[in-house]
């Protein structure tokens, strides 16, 4: 299982686990270890960082809070399921719903006013514009 960009190659990990533990392992695990928060991807360009968060089923009436903690984004919210039956009556239940919290480390310093968000087709897009790395400051010497 090779690392890619200092992260675990989850596809290779999943394949190895399936070879050892069988094809039904991941299906069985959904009931044992429920997903605690939405999945996200993070990428960086020269001018910005972008976090793409999966929030299928999220609506504008569901609570969503985004805050900054140093170089981390804290995403908290709740996805309210809208089924014509109680959750206990679902025959199969693995979609993420209910309260969630994710702490997302950002690999550069930023100010909260540099963050712009949008939500479309089940994806929350968080764009963080980078500030200039270095700005020169003029030193003014007073006559002594």
Protein backbone atom coordinates (compact mmCIF):
# COMPACT_ATOMS: atom_id res chain seq x y z
CA UNK A 1 0.00 0.00 0.00
CA UNK A 2 1.95 2.99 -1.28
CA UNK A 3 1.43 6.46 0.04
CA UNK A 4 0.49 9.16 -2.42
CA UNK A 5 1.24 12.78 -1.44
CA UNK A 6 1.78 11.80 2.22
CA UNK A 7 -1.62 10.13 2.37
CA UNK A 8 -2.77 6.54 2.40
CA UNK A 9 -3.77 5.01 -0.93
CA UNK A 10 -7.28 4.03 0.19
CA UNK A 11 -8.06 2.21 -3.04
CA UNK A 12 -5.10 -0.16 -2.55
CA UNK A 13 -5.96 -0.49 1.15
CA UNK A 14 -9.55 -1.40 0.34
CA UNK A 15 -8.46 -3.99 -2.24
CA UNK A 16 -6.01 -5.60 0.21
CA UNK A 17 -8.60 -5.76 2.99
CA UNK A 18 -11.12 -7.29 0.60
CA UNK A 19 -8.58 -9.95 -0.50
CA UNK A 20 -7.89 -10.93 3.10
CA UNK A 21 -11.32 -10.54 4.72
CA UNK A 22 -13.68 -11.21 1.79
CA UNK A 23 -16.00 -9.28 -0.49
CA UNK A 24 -18.69 -8.65 2.12
CA UNK A 25 -16.32 -7.01 4.63
CA UNK A 26 -17.09 -3.38 3.71
CA UNK A 27 -20.85 -4.01 3.57
CA UNK A 28 -20.73 -5.56 7.04
CA UNK A 29 -18.58 -2.72 8.40
CA UNK A 30 -21.16 -0.04 7.53
CA UNK A 31 -23.31 -1.35 10.36
CA UNK A 32 -20.45 -1.70 12.84
CA UNK A 33 -18.60 1.57 12.21
CA UNK A 34 -21.04 4.22 11.02
CA UNK A 35 -19.72 7.19 9.10
CA UNK A 36 -19.25 10.09 11.53
CA UNK A 37 -18.95 12.95 9.08
CA UNK A 38 -19.03 13.87 5.43
CA UNK A 39 -16.16 12.91 3.13
CA UNK A 40 -14.06 15.66 1.61
CA UNK A 41 -11.30 16.29 -0.90
CA UNK A 42 -8.76 19.10 -0.61
CA UNK A 43 -6.57 20.52 -3.34
CA UNK A 44 -4.39 23.56 -3.67
CA UNK A 45 -3.41 25.83 -6.56
CA UNK A 46 -1.04 28.77 -6.60
CA UNK A 47 -3.80 31.21 -5.61
CA UNK A 48 -6.28 29.17 -3.58
CA UNK A 49 -7.14 26.05 -1.65
CA UNK A 50 -10.40 24.25 -2.37
CA UNK A 51 -12.27 21.85 -0.09
CA UNK A 52 -15.04 19.78 -1.69
CA UNK A 53 -17.37 18.26 0.93
CA UNK A 54 -19.99 15.61 0.14
CA UNK A 55 -23.33 16.60 1.66
CA UNK A 56 -25.97 14.70 -0.35
CA UNK A 57 -29.48 15.29 0.89
CA UNK A 58 -28.52 18.53 2.63
CA UNK A 59 -31.05 21.34 2.32
CA UNK A 60 -30.95 25.05 3.04
CA UNK A 61 -33.18 24.43 6.07
CA UNK A 62 -30.59 22.10 7.67
CA UNK A 63 -28.16 23.79 10.09
CA UNK A 64 -24.61 24.30 8.81
CA UNK A 65 -21.81 26.18 10.60
CA UNK A 66 -18.31 26.86 9.33
CA UNK A 67 -15.68 28.39 11.59
CA UNK A 68 -11.94 28.84 11.71
CA UNK A 69 -9.63 27.44 14.38
CA UNK A 70 -6.09 28.52 13.52
CA UNK A 71 -5.27 26.77 10.23
CA UNK A 72 -8.26 24.42 10.52
CA UNK A 73 -11.82 24.73 9.29
CA UNK A 74 -14.50 23.36 11.60
CA UNK A 75 -17.60 22.19 9.75
CA UNK A 76 -20.66 21.29 11.82
CA UNK A 77 -24.21 20.63 10.78
CA UNK A 78 -27.08 18.23 10.59
CA UNK A 79 -28.70 16.40 7.70
CA UNK A 80 -32.37 15.80 8.37
CA UNK A 81 -33.72 12.75 6.52
CA UNK A 82 -37.12 13.19 4.91
CA UNK A 83 -38.68 9.75 4.67
CA UNK A 84 -42.37 8.86 4.89
CA UNK A 85 -41.45 6.26 7.55
CA UNK A 86 -39.47 6.50 10.81
CA UNK A 87 -35.74 5.74 10.54
CA UNK A 88 -36.24 2.60 12.62
CA UNK A 89 -38.39 1.17 9.80
CA UNK A 90 -35.73 1.47 7.09
CA UNK A 91 -34.74 -1.95 5.75
CA UNK A 92 -31.21 -0.74 5.02
CA UNK A 93 -29.69 2.38 6.58
CA UNK A 94 -26.17 3.55 5.67
CA UNK A 95 -26.53 7.06 4.24
CA UNK A 96 -25.12 9.76 6.48
CA UNK A 97 -27.80 11.63 8.39
CA UNK A 98 -28.06 13.46 11.65
CA UNK A 99 -25.46 15.67 13.30
CA UNK A 100 -21.90 15.78 12.01
CA UNK A 101 -18.62 17.53 12.71
CA UNK A 102 -15.41 17.59 10.65
CA UNK A 103 -12.16 19.38 11.42
CA UNK A 104 -10.32 20.04 8.17
CA UNK A 105 -6.62 20.99 8.33
CA UNK A 106 -5.66 23.61 5.74
CA UNK A 107 -2.01 23.48 4.64
CA UNK A 108 -1.49 27.25 4.67
CA UNK A 109 -2.40 30.27 6.80
CA UNK A 110 -5.57 32.12 5.92
CA UNK A 111 -8.03 34.64 7.28
CA UNK A 112 -11.73 33.85 7.49
CA UNK A 113 -12.56 36.76 5.19
CA UNK A 114 -10.60 34.89 2.46
CA UNK A 115 -13.18 32.04 2.47
CA UNK A 116 -16.04 31.76 -0.02
CA UNK A 117 -18.58 28.92 -0.05
CA UNK A 118 -21.20 27.52 -2.39
CA UNK A 119 -23.44 24.44 -2.42
CA UNK A 120 -24.54 22.68 -5.59
CA UNK A 121 -25.65 19.16 -6.47
CA UNK A 122 -24.80 17.69 -3.06
CA UNK A 123 -21.35 19.27 -2.82
CA UNK A 124 -20.25 22.07 -0.52
CA UNK A 125 -17.37 23.94 -2.19
CA UNK A 126 -15.16 25.93 0.18
CA UNK A 127 -12.67 28.17 -1.64
CA UNK A 128 -9.91 29.79 0.40
CA UNK A 129 -8.03 32.54 -1.40
CA UNK A 130 -4.36 32.77 -0.50
CA UNK A 131 -2.81 36.02 0.54
CA UNK A 132 0.51 37.17 -0.84
CA UNK A 133 3.28 35.15 0.81
CA UNK A 134 5.52 38.12 1.39
CA UNK A 135 4.84 41.78 1.24
CA UNK A 136 7.67 44.22 1.60
CA UNK A 137 7.30 46.94 4.19
CA UNK A 138 9.18 50.14 3.98
CA UNK A 139 11.13 51.07 7.07
CA UNK A 140 11.06 54.79 7.75
CA UNK A 141 13.97 56.23 9.70
CA UNK A 142 13.37 59.37 11.65
CA UNK A 143 16.13 61.96 11.89
CA UNK A 144 17.81 61.75 15.26
